[in-house]
Amino acid sequence: MNRLRFLRSPSPAPRPRRLAYRVPWRVDRSTAPHYRLINAGRETLSGVTVSVAGSASLRVSPPTSVSPGEAVRASVSGREPARDTVLVVRWFPPDGREYLWQISL
């Protein structure tokens, strides 16, 4: 019995990979529960917001843009924020892409 082989067209060439985007933030936890999120990158970040997910509450002094070396301050209060709360940082680098980063306390 003849076996038919079905040939399919070759797969398209893979798209070139982009390098991973390095998170530009450094977290200063030295005065917890008051945190400083420092822009350790080389670019000014715009649309910066910090929010909280969990049972704790958050006070933040958010500038709309953060230049390299500048910081956003966030104060977290709650019973045990380290057990059930994370900070979520949102920002836009100059290329306009949106990024979110989650920080465990």
C-alpha atoms as a PDB file:
ATOM      1  CA  MET A   1       0.000   0.000   0.000  1.00  0.00           C
ATOM      2  CA  ASN A   2       1.278   3.414  -0.895  1.00  0.00           C
ATOM      3  CA  ARG A   3       1.763   5.851   1.907  1.00  0.00           C
ATOM      4  CA  LEU A   4       1.211   9.443   1.083  1.00  0.00           C
ATOM      5  CA  ARG A   5       3.295  12.030   2.767  1.00  0.00           C
ATOM      6  CA  PHE A   6       1.790  15.417   3.242  1.00  0.00           C
ATOM      7  CA  LEU A   7       4.373  18.102   3.092  1.00  0.00           C
ATOM      8  CA  ARG A   8       3.692  21.389   4.659  1.00  0.00           C
ATOM      9  CA  SER A   9       5.325  24.619   3.766  1.00  0.00           C
ATOM     10  CA  PRO A  10       8.335  25.531   5.873  1.00  0.00           C
ATOM     11  CA  SER A  11       7.687  27.586   8.963  1.00  0.00           C
ATOM     12  CA  PRO A  12       8.310  31.284   8.631  1.00  0.00           C
ATOM     13  CA  ALA A  13      11.669  32.481   9.842  1.00  0.00           C
ATOM     14  CA  PRO A  14      11.602  33.217  13.579  1.00  0.00           C
ATOM     15  CA  ARG A  15      11.351  36.862  14.489  1.00  0.00           C
ATOM     16  CA  PRO A  16      14.482  38.341  15.986  1.00  0.00           C
ATOM     17  CA  ARG A  17      14.374  38.276  19.763  1.00  0.00           C
ATOM     18  CA  ARG A  18      14.486  41.445  21.763  1.00  0.00           C
ATOM     19  CA  LEU A  19      16.590  41.617  24.842  1.00  0.00           C
ATOM     20  CA  ALA A  20      14.646  41.496  28.067  1.00  0.00           C
ATOM     21  CA  TYR A  21      13.708  44.855  29.519  1.00  0.00           C
ATOM     22  CA  ARG A  22      15.607  45.465  32.740  1.00  0.00           C
ATOM     23  CA  VAL A  23      13.345  46.713  35.532  1.00  0.00           C
ATOM     24  CA  PRO A  24      14.707  50.170  36.336  1.00  0.00           C
ATOM     25  CA  TRP A  25      13.583  50.260  39.974  1.00  0.00           C
ATOM     26  CA  ARG A  26      15.572  49.674  43.152  1.00  0.00           C
ATOM     27  CA  VAL A  27      13.639  49.335  46.410  1.00  0.00           C
ATOM     28  CA  ASP A  28      14.991  50.918  49.596  1.00  0.00           C
ATOM     29  CA  ARG A  29      13.439  48.949  52.478  1.00  0.00           C
ATOM     30  CA  SER A  30      15.646  50.418  55.203  1.00  0.00           C
ATOM     31  CA  THR A  31      12.797  52.412  56.765  1.00  0.00           C
ATOM     32  CA  ALA A  32       9.965  49.883  56.261  1.00  0.00           C
ATOM     33  CA  PRO A  33       6.994  50.280  56.254  1.00  0.00           C
ATOM     34  CA  HIS A  34       8.077  53.448  54.422  1.00  0.00           C
ATOM     35  CA  TYR A  35       9.607  52.456  51.102  1.00  0.00           C
ATOM     36  CA  ARG A  36      11.519  54.405  48.472  1.00  0.00           C
ATOM     37  CA  LEU A  37      11.298  53.211  44.883  1.00  0.00           C
ATOM     38  CA  ILE A  38      14.362  54.643  43.162  1.00  0.00           C
ATOM     39  CA  ASN A  39      14.693  54.948  39.402  1.00  0.00           C
ATOM     40  CA  ALA A  40      18.047  53.201  38.958  1.00  0.00           C
ATOM     41  CA  GLY A  41      17.737  53.231  35.160  1.00  0.00           C
ATOM     42  CA  ARG A  42      19.025  55.669  32.563  1.00  0.00           C
ATOM     43  CA  GLU A  43      15.672  56.969  31.324  1.00  0.00           C
ATOM     44  CA  THR A  44      13.008  59.251  32.729  1.00  0.00           C
ATOM     45  CA  LEU A  45       9.898  57.178  33.445  1.00  0.00           C
ATOM     46  CA  SER A  46       6.482  58.761  32.997  1.00  0.00           C
ATOM     47  CA  GLY A  47       2.981  57.927  34.223  1.00  0.00           C
ATOM     48  CA  VAL A  48       4.431  56.356  37.362  1.00  0.00           C
ATOM     49  CA  THR A  49       1.801  55.053  39.779  1.00  0.00           C
ATOM     50  CA  VAL A  50       2.044  52.808  42.825  1.00  0.00           C
ATOM     51  CA  SER A  51      -0.919  50.791  44.058  1.00  0.00           C
ATOM     52  CA  VAL A  52      -1.423  48.056  46.605  1.00  0.00           C
ATOM     53  CA  ALA A  53      -2.915  44.588  46.251  1.00  0.00           C
ATOM     54  CA  GLY A  54      -3.886  42.999  49.553  1.00  0.00           C
ATOM     55  CA  SER A  55      -5.322  44.000  52.892  1.00  0.00           C
ATOM     56  CA  ALA A  56      -2.913  46.848  53.714  1.00  0.00           C
ATOM     57  CA  SER A  57      -3.499  50.479  52.849  1.00  0.00           C
ATOM     58  CA  LEU A  58      -1.106  52.712  50.994  1.00  0.00           C
ATOM     59  CA  ARG A  59      -0.031  56.336  51.132  1.00  0.00           C
ATOM     60  CA  VAL A  60       2.098  57.416  48.234  1.00  0.00           C
ATOM     61  CA  SER A  61       3.536  60.647  46.917  1.00  0.00           C
ATOM     62  CA  PRO A  62       3.553  59.849  43.227  1.00  0.00           C
ATOM     63  CA  PRO A  63       5.219  62.194  40.797  1.00  0.00           C
ATOM     64  CA  THR A  64       3.971  61.716  37.258  1.00  0.00           C
ATOM     65  CA  SER A  65       7.513  61.251  35.979  1.00  0.00           C
ATOM     66  CA  VAL A  66      10.649  60.050  37.712  1.00  0.00           C
ATOM     67  CA  SER A  67      14.112  60.958  36.409  1.00  0.00           C
ATOM     68  CA  PRO A  68      17.145  58.711  36.946  1.00  0.00           C
ATOM     69  CA  GLY A  69      18.173  58.816  40.606  1.00  0.00           C
ATOM     70  CA  GLU A  70      14.829  60.230  41.804  1.00  0.00           C
ATOM     71  CA  ALA A  71      12.458  58.255  43.998  1.00  0.00           C
ATOM     72  CA  VAL A  72       8.791  57.672  44.749  1.00  0.00           C
ATOM     73  CA  ARG A  73       7.907  57.247  48.416  1.00  0.00           C
ATOM     74  CA  ALA A  74       5.244  54.781  49.546  1.00  0.00           C
ATOM     75  CA  SER A  75       4.029  54.084  53.076  1.00  0.00           C
ATOM     76  CA  VAL A  76       2.177  50.867  53.775  1.00  0.00           C
ATOM     77  CA  SER A  77       0.066  50.304  56.862  1.00  0.00           C
ATOM     78  CA  GLY A  78      -1.794  47.224  57.942  1.00  0.00           C
ATOM     79  CA  ARG A  79      -1.774  44.320  60.329  1.00  0.00           C
ATOM     80  CA  GLU A  80       0.771  42.094  58.564  1.00  0.00           C
ATOM     81  CA  PRO A  81       1.420  43.521  55.104  1.00  0.00           C
ATOM     82  CA  ALA A  82       4.363  41.198  54.480  1.00  0.00           C
ATOM     83  CA  ARG A  83       1.991  38.214  54.572  1.00  0.00           C
ATOM     84  CA  ASP A  84      -0.694  39.310  52.127  1.00  0.00           C
ATOM     85  CA  THR A  85       0.197  42.554  50.380  1.00  0.00           C
ATOM     86  CA  VAL A  86       2.229  43.529  47.335  1.00  0.00           C
ATOM     87  CA  LEU A  87       2.978  46.888  45.797  1.00  0.00           C
ATOM     88  CA  VAL A  88       2.322  47.248  42.084  1.00  0.00           C
ATOM     89  CA  VAL A  89       4.347  49.846  40.198  1.00  0.00           C
ATOM     90  CA  ARG A  90       3.205  51.001  36.755  1.00  0.00           C
ATOM     91  CA  TRP A  91       5.274  53.168  34.412  1.00  0.00           C
ATOM     92  CA  PHE A  92       5.982  54.097  30.813  1.00  0.00           C
ATOM     93  CA  PRO A  93       9.549  54.407  29.492  1.00  0.00           C
ATOM     94  CA  PRO A  94      10.229  56.807  26.583  1.00  0.00           C
ATOM     95  CA  ASP A  95       9.158  54.201  23.978  1.00  0.00           C
ATOM     96  CA  GLY A  96       5.584  54.380  25.350  1.00  0.00           C
ATOM     97  CA  ARG A  97       5.211  50.729  26.358  1.00  0.00           C
ATOM     98  CA  GLU A  98       3.417  50.063  29.637  1.00  0.00           C
ATOM     99  CA  TYR A  99       5.157  48.072  32.356  1.00  0.00           C
ATOM    100  CA  LEU A 100       3.944  46.669  35.664  1.00  0.00           C
ATOM    101  CA  TRP A 101       6.176  45.353  38.422  1.00  0.00           C
ATOM    102  CA  GLN A 102       5.077  43.663  41.596  1.00  0.00           C
ATOM    103  CA  ILE A 103       7.021  44.074  44.845  1.00  0.00           C
ATOM    104  CA  SER A 104       6.588  41.686  47.751  1.00  0.00           C
ATOM    105  CA  LEU A 105       6.881  43.310  51.140  1.00  0.00           C
END
